[in-house]
Amino acid sequence: MKFQFDHNNINVFDLEKSLKFYKEALGLMEVKRHEQAEGKFILVYLGDGATQHRLELTWLK
C-alpha cells in the first residue's frame, strides 16, 4: 500500500469507540478504510476536510 499523504498512526482496542471519540472531540471523519481479508486488522484513516494530513487508527485482532 503506497501512501501519498502525511499521517500518524494510533493502535486502538475498540475501533467504534475511537471513531466516535475523534469525531466528537476533534471533528475528524473517516475518509478511507482497509479491512484485511482474513480479518486480522482494520485500518481507518481520519481527516479534517481542510488538510491532507490523516490520522490512521489501526485495530489488530
PDB file of N, CA and C in Angstrom:
ATOM      1  N   MET A   1       0.842  -1.165   0.000  1.00  0.00           N
ATOM      2  CA  MET A   1       0.000   0.000   0.000  1.00  0.00           C
ATOM      3  C   MET A   1       0.891   1.234   0.000  1.00  0.00           C
ATOM      4  N   LYS A   2       0.696   2.138  -0.950  1.00  0.00           N
ATOM      5  CA  LYS A   2       1.504   3.353  -1.048  1.00  0.00           C
ATOM      6  C   LYS A   2       0.700   4.541  -0.524  1.00  0.00           C
ATOM      7  N   PHE A   3       1.313   5.306   0.377  1.00  0.00           N
ATOM      8  CA  PHE A   3       0.649   6.466   0.958  1.00  0.00           C
ATOM      9  C   PHE A   3       1.119   7.726   0.256  1.00  0.00           C
ATOM     10  N   GLN A   4       0.196   8.608  -0.073  1.00  0.00           N
ATOM     11  CA  GLN A   4       0.522   9.871  -0.719  1.00  0.00           C
ATOM     12  C   GLN A   4       0.189  11.045   0.177  1.00  0.00           C
ATOM     13  N   PHE A   5       0.118  10.819   1.470  1.00  0.00           N
ATOM     14  CA  PHE A   5      -0.213  11.876   2.413  1.00  0.00           C
ATOM     15  C   PHE A   5       0.539  11.635   3.705  1.00  0.00           C
ATOM     16  N   ASP A   6       0.746  12.716   4.454  1.00  0.00           N
ATOM     17  CA  ASP A   6       1.339  12.578   5.779  1.00  0.00           C
ATOM     18  C   ASP A   6       0.299  12.016   6.718  1.00  0.00           C
ATOM     19  N   HIS A   7       0.747  11.150   7.634  1.00  0.00           N
ATOM     20  CA  HIS A   7      -0.193  10.597   8.587  1.00  0.00           C
ATOM     21  C   HIS A   7       0.530  10.156   9.849  1.00  0.00           C
ATOM     22  N   ASN A   8      -0.243  10.041  10.910  1.00  0.00           N
ATOM     23  CA  ASN A   8       0.206   9.465  12.171  1.00  0.00           C
ATOM     24  C   ASN A   8      -0.647   8.241  12.432  1.00  0.00           C
ATOM     25  N   ASN A   9      -0.098   7.288  13.181  1.00  0.00           N
ATOM     26  CA  ASN A   9      -0.799   6.047  13.458  1.00  0.00           C
ATOM     27  C   ASN A   9      -1.003   5.864  14.955  1.00  0.00           C
ATOM     28  N   ILE A  10      -2.201   5.392  15.302  1.00  0.00           N
ATOM     29  CA  ILE A  10      -2.518   5.026  16.683  1.00  0.00           C
ATOM     30  C   ILE A  10      -3.180   3.655  16.648  1.00  0.00           C
ATOM     31  N   ASN A  11      -2.664   2.714  17.438  1.00  0.00           N
ATOM     32  CA  ASN A  11      -3.306   1.406  17.582  1.00  0.00           C
ATOM     33  C   ASN A  11      -4.424   1.537  18.609  1.00  0.00           C
ATOM     34  N   VAL A  12      -5.591   0.968  18.302  1.00  0.00           N
ATOM     35  CA  VAL A  12      -6.744   1.089  19.191  1.00  0.00           C
ATOM     36  C   VAL A  12      -7.293  -0.287  19.553  1.00  0.00           C
ATOM     37  N   PHE A  13      -7.898  -0.383  20.734  1.00  0.00           N
ATOM     38  CA  PHE A  13      -8.532  -1.625  21.182  1.00  0.00           C
ATOM     39  C   PHE A  13      -9.981  -1.715  20.725  1.00  0.00           C
ATOM     40  N   ASP A  14     -10.684  -0.577  20.734  1.00  0.00           N
ATOM     41  CA  ASP A  14     -12.102  -0.540  20.367  1.00  0.00           C
ATOM     42  C   ASP A  14     -12.263   0.489  19.244  1.00  0.00           C
ATOM     43  N   LEU A  15     -12.370   0.008  18.016  1.00  0.00           N
ATOM     44  CA  LEU A  15     -12.403   0.891  16.857  1.00  0.00           C
ATOM     45  C   LEU A  15     -13.623   1.809  16.874  1.00  0.00           C
ATOM     46  N   GLU A  16     -14.788   1.281  17.177  1.00  0.00           N
ATOM     47  CA  GLU A  16     -16.006   2.107  17.150  1.00  0.00           C
ATOM     48  C   GLU A  16     -15.957   3.222  18.200  1.00  0.00           C
ATOM     49  N   LYS A  17     -15.491   2.924  19.405  1.00  0.00           N
ATOM     50  CA  LYS A  17     -15.362   3.961  20.443  1.00  0.00           C
ATOM     51  C   LYS A  17     -14.343   5.009  20.031  1.00  0.00           C
ATOM     52  N   SER A  18     -13.261   4.571  19.404  1.00  0.00           N
ATOM     53  CA  SER A  18     -12.223   5.503  18.963  1.00  0.00           C
ATOM     54  C   SER A  18     -12.741   6.413  17.856  1.00  0.00           C
ATOM     55  N   LEU A  19     -13.476   5.850  16.897  1.00  0.00           N
ATOM     56  CA  LEU A  19     -14.054   6.667  15.830  1.00  0.00           C
ATOM     57  C   LEU A  19     -14.993   7.725  16.399  1.00  0.00           C
ATOM     58  N   LYS A  20     -15.815   7.327  17.351  1.00  0.00           N
ATOM     59  CA  LYS A  20     -16.745   8.268  17.997  1.00  0.00           C
ATOM     60  C   LYS A  20     -15.974   9.369  18.724  1.00  0.00           C
ATOM     61  N   PHE A  21     -14.929   8.997  19.466  1.00  0.00           N
ATOM     62  CA  PHE A  21     -14.143   9.975  20.209  1.00  0.00           C
ATOM     63  C   PHE A  21     -13.523  11.022  19.277  1.00  0.00           C
ATOM     64  N   TYR A  22     -12.829  10.570  18.230  1.00  0.00           N
ATOM     65  CA  TYR A  22     -12.144  11.513  17.340  1.00  0.00           C
ATOM     66  C   TYR A  22     -13.122  12.388  16.560  1.00  0.00           C
ATOM     67  N   LYS A  23     -14.318  11.872  16.283  1.00  0.00           N
ATOM     68  CA  LYS A  23     -15.339  12.696  15.625  1.00  0.00           C
ATOM     69  C   LYS A  23     -15.848  13.773  16.571  1.00  0.00           C
ATOM     70  N   GLU A  24     -16.211  13.376  17.798  1.00  0.00           N
ATOM     71  CA  GLU A  24     -16.781  14.328  18.755  1.00  0.00           C
ATOM     72  C   GLU A  24     -15.741  15.312  19.301  1.00  0.00           C
ATOM     73  N   ALA A  25     -14.539  14.828  19.603  1.00  0.00           N
ATOM     74  CA  ALA A  25     -13.527  15.676  20.234  1.00  0.00           C
ATOM     75  C   ALA A  25     -12.797  16.576  19.240  1.00  0.00           C
ATOM     76  N   LEU A  26     -12.515  16.048  18.039  1.00  0.00           N
ATOM     77  CA  LEU A  26     -11.680  16.799  17.100  1.00  0.00           C
ATOM     78  C   LEU A  26     -12.336  17.055  15.742  1.00  0.00           C
ATOM     79  N   GLY A  27     -13.529  16.518  15.545  1.00  0.00           N
ATOM     80  CA  GLY A  27     -14.222  16.727  14.277  1.00  0.00           C
ATOM     81  C   GLY A  27     -13.631  15.936  13.119  1.00  0.00           C
ATOM     82  N   LEU A  28     -12.875  14.872  13.414  1.00  0.00           N
ATOM     83  CA  LEU A  28     -12.261  14.065  12.356  1.00  0.00           C
ATOM     84  C   LEU A  28     -13.260  13.035  11.836  1.00  0.00           C
ATOM     85  N   MET A  29     -13.294  12.893  10.525  1.00  0.00           N
ATOM     86  CA  MET A  29     -14.228  11.969   9.888  1.00  0.00           C
ATOM     87  C   MET A  29     -13.467  10.890   9.115  1.00  0.00           C
ATOM     88  N   GLU A  30     -14.069   9.724   8.997  1.00  0.00           N
ATOM     89  CA  GLU A  30     -13.466   8.629   8.237  1.00  0.00           C
ATOM     90  C   GLU A  30     -13.402   9.001   6.759  1.00  0.00           C
ATOM     91  N   VAL A  31     -12.202   8.864   6.170  1.00  0.00           N
ATOM     92  CA  VAL A  31     -12.037   9.160   4.747  1.00  0.00           C
ATOM     93  C   VAL A  31     -11.628   7.931   3.942  1.00  0.00           C
ATOM     94  N   LYS A  32     -11.127   6.898   4.629  1.00  0.00           N
ATOM     95  CA  LYS A  32     -10.715   5.681   3.938  1.00  0.00           C
ATOM     96  C   LYS A  32     -10.642   4.543   4.947  1.00  0.00           C
ATOM     97  N   ARG A  33     -10.931   3.323   4.467  1.00  0.00           N
ATOM     98  CA  ARG A  33     -10.876   2.146   5.330  1.00  0.00           C
ATOM     99  C   ARG A  33     -10.295   0.977   4.536  1.00  0.00           C
ATOM    100  N   HIS A  34      -9.458   0.193   5.209  1.00  0.00           N
ATOM    101  CA  HIS A  34      -8.908  -1.026   4.609  1.00  0.00           C
ATOM    102  C   HIS A  34      -9.091  -2.153   5.619  1.00  0.00           C
ATOM    103  N   GLU A  35      -9.839  -3.189   5.218  1.00  0.00           N
ATOM    104  CA  GLU A  35     -10.042  -4.354   6.071  1.00  0.00           C
ATOM    105  C   GLU A  35      -9.279  -5.523   5.461  1.00  0.00           C
ATOM    106  N   GLN A  36      -8.359  -6.081   6.225  1.00  0.00           N
ATOM    107  CA  GLN A  36      -7.547  -7.203   5.773  1.00  0.00           C
ATOM    108  C   GLN A  36      -8.465  -8.396   5.527  1.00  0.00           C
ATOM    109  N   ALA A  37      -8.214  -9.138   4.461  1.00  0.00           N
ATOM    110  CA  ALA A  37      -9.107 -10.217   4.008  1.00  0.00           C
ATOM    111  C   ALA A  37      -9.429 -11.252   5.076  1.00  0.00           C
ATOM    112  N   GLU A  38      -8.454 -11.645   5.883  1.00  0.00           N
ATOM    113  CA  GLU A  38      -8.693 -12.655   6.915  1.00  0.00           C
ATOM    114  C   GLU A  38      -9.182 -12.046   8.222  1.00  0.00           C
ATOM    115  N   GLY A  39      -9.396 -10.759   8.262  1.00  0.00           N
ATOM    116  CA  GLY A  39      -9.909 -10.112   9.461  1.00  0.00           C
ATOM    117  C   GLY A  39      -8.881  -9.874  10.550  1.00  0.00           C
ATOM    118  N   LYS A  40      -7.592  -9.902  10.195  1.00  0.00           N
ATOM    119  CA  LYS A  40      -6.542  -9.737  11.200  1.00  0.00           C
ATOM    120  C   LYS A  40      -6.338  -8.290  11.620  1.00  0.00           C
ATOM    121  N   PHE A  41      -6.701  -7.350  10.747  1.00  0.00           N
ATOM    122  CA  PHE A  41      -6.583  -5.940  11.115  1.00  0.00           C
ATOM    123  C   PHE A  41      -7.513  -5.086  10.266  1.00  0.00           C
ATOM    124  N   ILE A  42      -7.799  -3.898  10.783  1.00  0.00           N
ATOM    125  CA  ILE A  42      -8.565  -2.886  10.057  1.00  0.00           C
ATOM    126  C   ILE A  42      -7.807  -1.575  10.208  1.00  0.00           C
ATOM    127  N   LEU A  43      -7.625  -0.873   9.098  1.00  0.00           N
ATOM    128  CA  LEU A  43      -7.029   0.455   9.102  1.00  0.00           C
ATOM    129  C   LEU A  43      -8.113   1.456   8.738  1.00  0.00           C
ATOM    130  N   VAL A  44      -8.243   2.510   9.528  1.00  0.00           N
ATOM    131  CA  VAL A  44      -9.200   3.562   9.225  1.00  0.00           C
ATOM    132  C   VAL A  44      -8.438   4.883   9.240  1.00  0.00           C
ATOM    133  N   TYR A  45      -8.606   5.659   8.168  1.00  0.00           N
ATOM    134  CA  TYR A  45      -7.943   6.954   8.047  1.00  0.00           C
ATOM    135  C   TYR A  45      -8.962   8.050   8.295  1.00  0.00           C
ATOM    136  N   LEU A  46      -8.607   8.966   9.188  1.00  0.00           N
ATOM    137  CA  LEU A  46      -9.477  10.075   9.533  1.00  0.00           C
ATOM    138  C   LEU A  46      -8.871  11.373   9.031  1.00  0.00           C
ATOM    139  N   GLY A  47      -9.731  12.304   8.630  1.00  0.00           N
ATOM    140  CA  GLY A  47      -9.270  13.602   8.161  1.00  0.00           C
ATOM    141  C   GLY A  47     -10.188  14.702   8.638  1.00  0.00           C
ATOM    142  N   ASP A  48      -9.680  15.936   8.547  1.00  0.00           N
ATOM    143  CA  ASP A  48     -10.471  17.085   8.994  1.00  0.00           C
ATOM    144  C   ASP A  48     -11.160  17.814   7.840  1.00  0.00           C
ATOM    145  N   GLY A  49     -10.911  17.393   6.610  1.00  0.00           N
ATOM    146  CA  GLY A  49     -11.541  18.023   5.459  1.00  0.00           C
ATOM    147  C   GLY A  49     -10.862  19.304   5.003  1.00  0.00           C
ATOM    148  N   ALA A  50      -9.877  19.770   5.766  1.00  0.00           N
ATOM    149  CA  ALA A  50      -9.195  21.024   5.426  1.00  0.00           C
ATOM    150  C   ALA A  50      -7.739  20.808   5.029  1.00  0.00           C
ATOM    151  N   THR A  51      -7.123  19.730   5.510  1.00  0.00           N
ATOM    152  CA  THR A  51      -5.717  19.477   5.226  1.00  0.00           C
ATOM    153  C   THR A  51      -5.558  18.075   4.640  1.00  0.00           C
ATOM    154  N   GLN A  52      -4.367  17.780   4.151  1.00  0.00           N
ATOM    155  CA  GLN A  52      -4.076  16.454   3.607  1.00  0.00           C
ATOM    156  C   GLN A  52      -3.633  15.462   4.689  1.00  0.00           C
ATOM    157  N   HIS A  53      -3.385  15.948   5.889  1.00  0.00           N
ATOM    158  CA  HIS A  53      -2.904  15.083   6.972  1.00  0.00           C
ATOM    159  C   HIS A  53      -3.992  14.100   7.382  1.00  0.00           C
ATOM    160  N   ARG A  54      -3.598  12.869   7.688  1.00  0.00           N
ATOM    161  CA  ARG A  54      -4.536  11.825   8.122  1.00  0.00           C
ATOM    162  C   ARG A  54      -4.086  11.225   9.440  1.00  0.00           C
ATOM    163  N   LEU A  55      -5.056  10.831  10.244  1.00  0.00           N
ATOM    164  CA  LEU A  55      -4.805  10.062  11.446  1.00  0.00           C
ATOM    165  C   LEU A  55      -5.228   8.629  11.119  1.00  0.00           C
ATOM    166  N   GLU A  56      -4.306   7.695  11.229  1.00  0.00           N
ATOM    167  CA  GLU A  56      -4.586   6.290  10.944  1.00  0.00           C
ATOM    168  C   GLU A  56      -4.860   5.560  12.248  1.00  0.00           C
ATOM    169  N   LEU A  57      -6.051   4.983  12.362  1.00  0.00           N
ATOM    170  CA  LEU A  57      -6.389   4.138  13.502  1.00  0.00           C
ATOM    171  C   LEU A  57      -6.227   2.696  13.045  1.00  0.00           C
ATOM    172  N   THR A  58      -5.481   1.920  13.816  1.00  0.00           N
ATOM    173  CA  THR A  58      -5.252   0.518  13.482  1.00  0.00           C
ATOM    174  C   THR A  58      -5.837  -0.364  14.577  1.00  0.00           C
ATOM    175  N   TRP A  59      -6.743  -1.243  14.184  1.00  0.00           N
ATOM    176  CA  TRP A  59      -7.299  -2.247  15.090  1.00  0.00           C
ATOM    177  C   TRP A  59      -6.689  -3.586  14.702  1.00  0.00           C
ATOM    178  N   LEU A  60      -6.061  -4.254  15.665  1.00  0.00           N
ATOM    179  CA  LEU A  60      -5.437  -5.557  15.447  1.00  0.00           C
ATOM    180  C   LEU A  60      -6.234  -6.625  16.181  1.00  0.00           C
ATOM    181  N   LYS A  61      -6.524  -7.724  15.519  1.00  0.00           N
ATOM    182  CA  LYS A  61      -7.286  -8.805  16.133  1.00  0.00           C
ATOM    183  C   LYS A  61      -6.550  -9.395  17.314  1.00  0.00           C
TER     184      LYS A  61
END
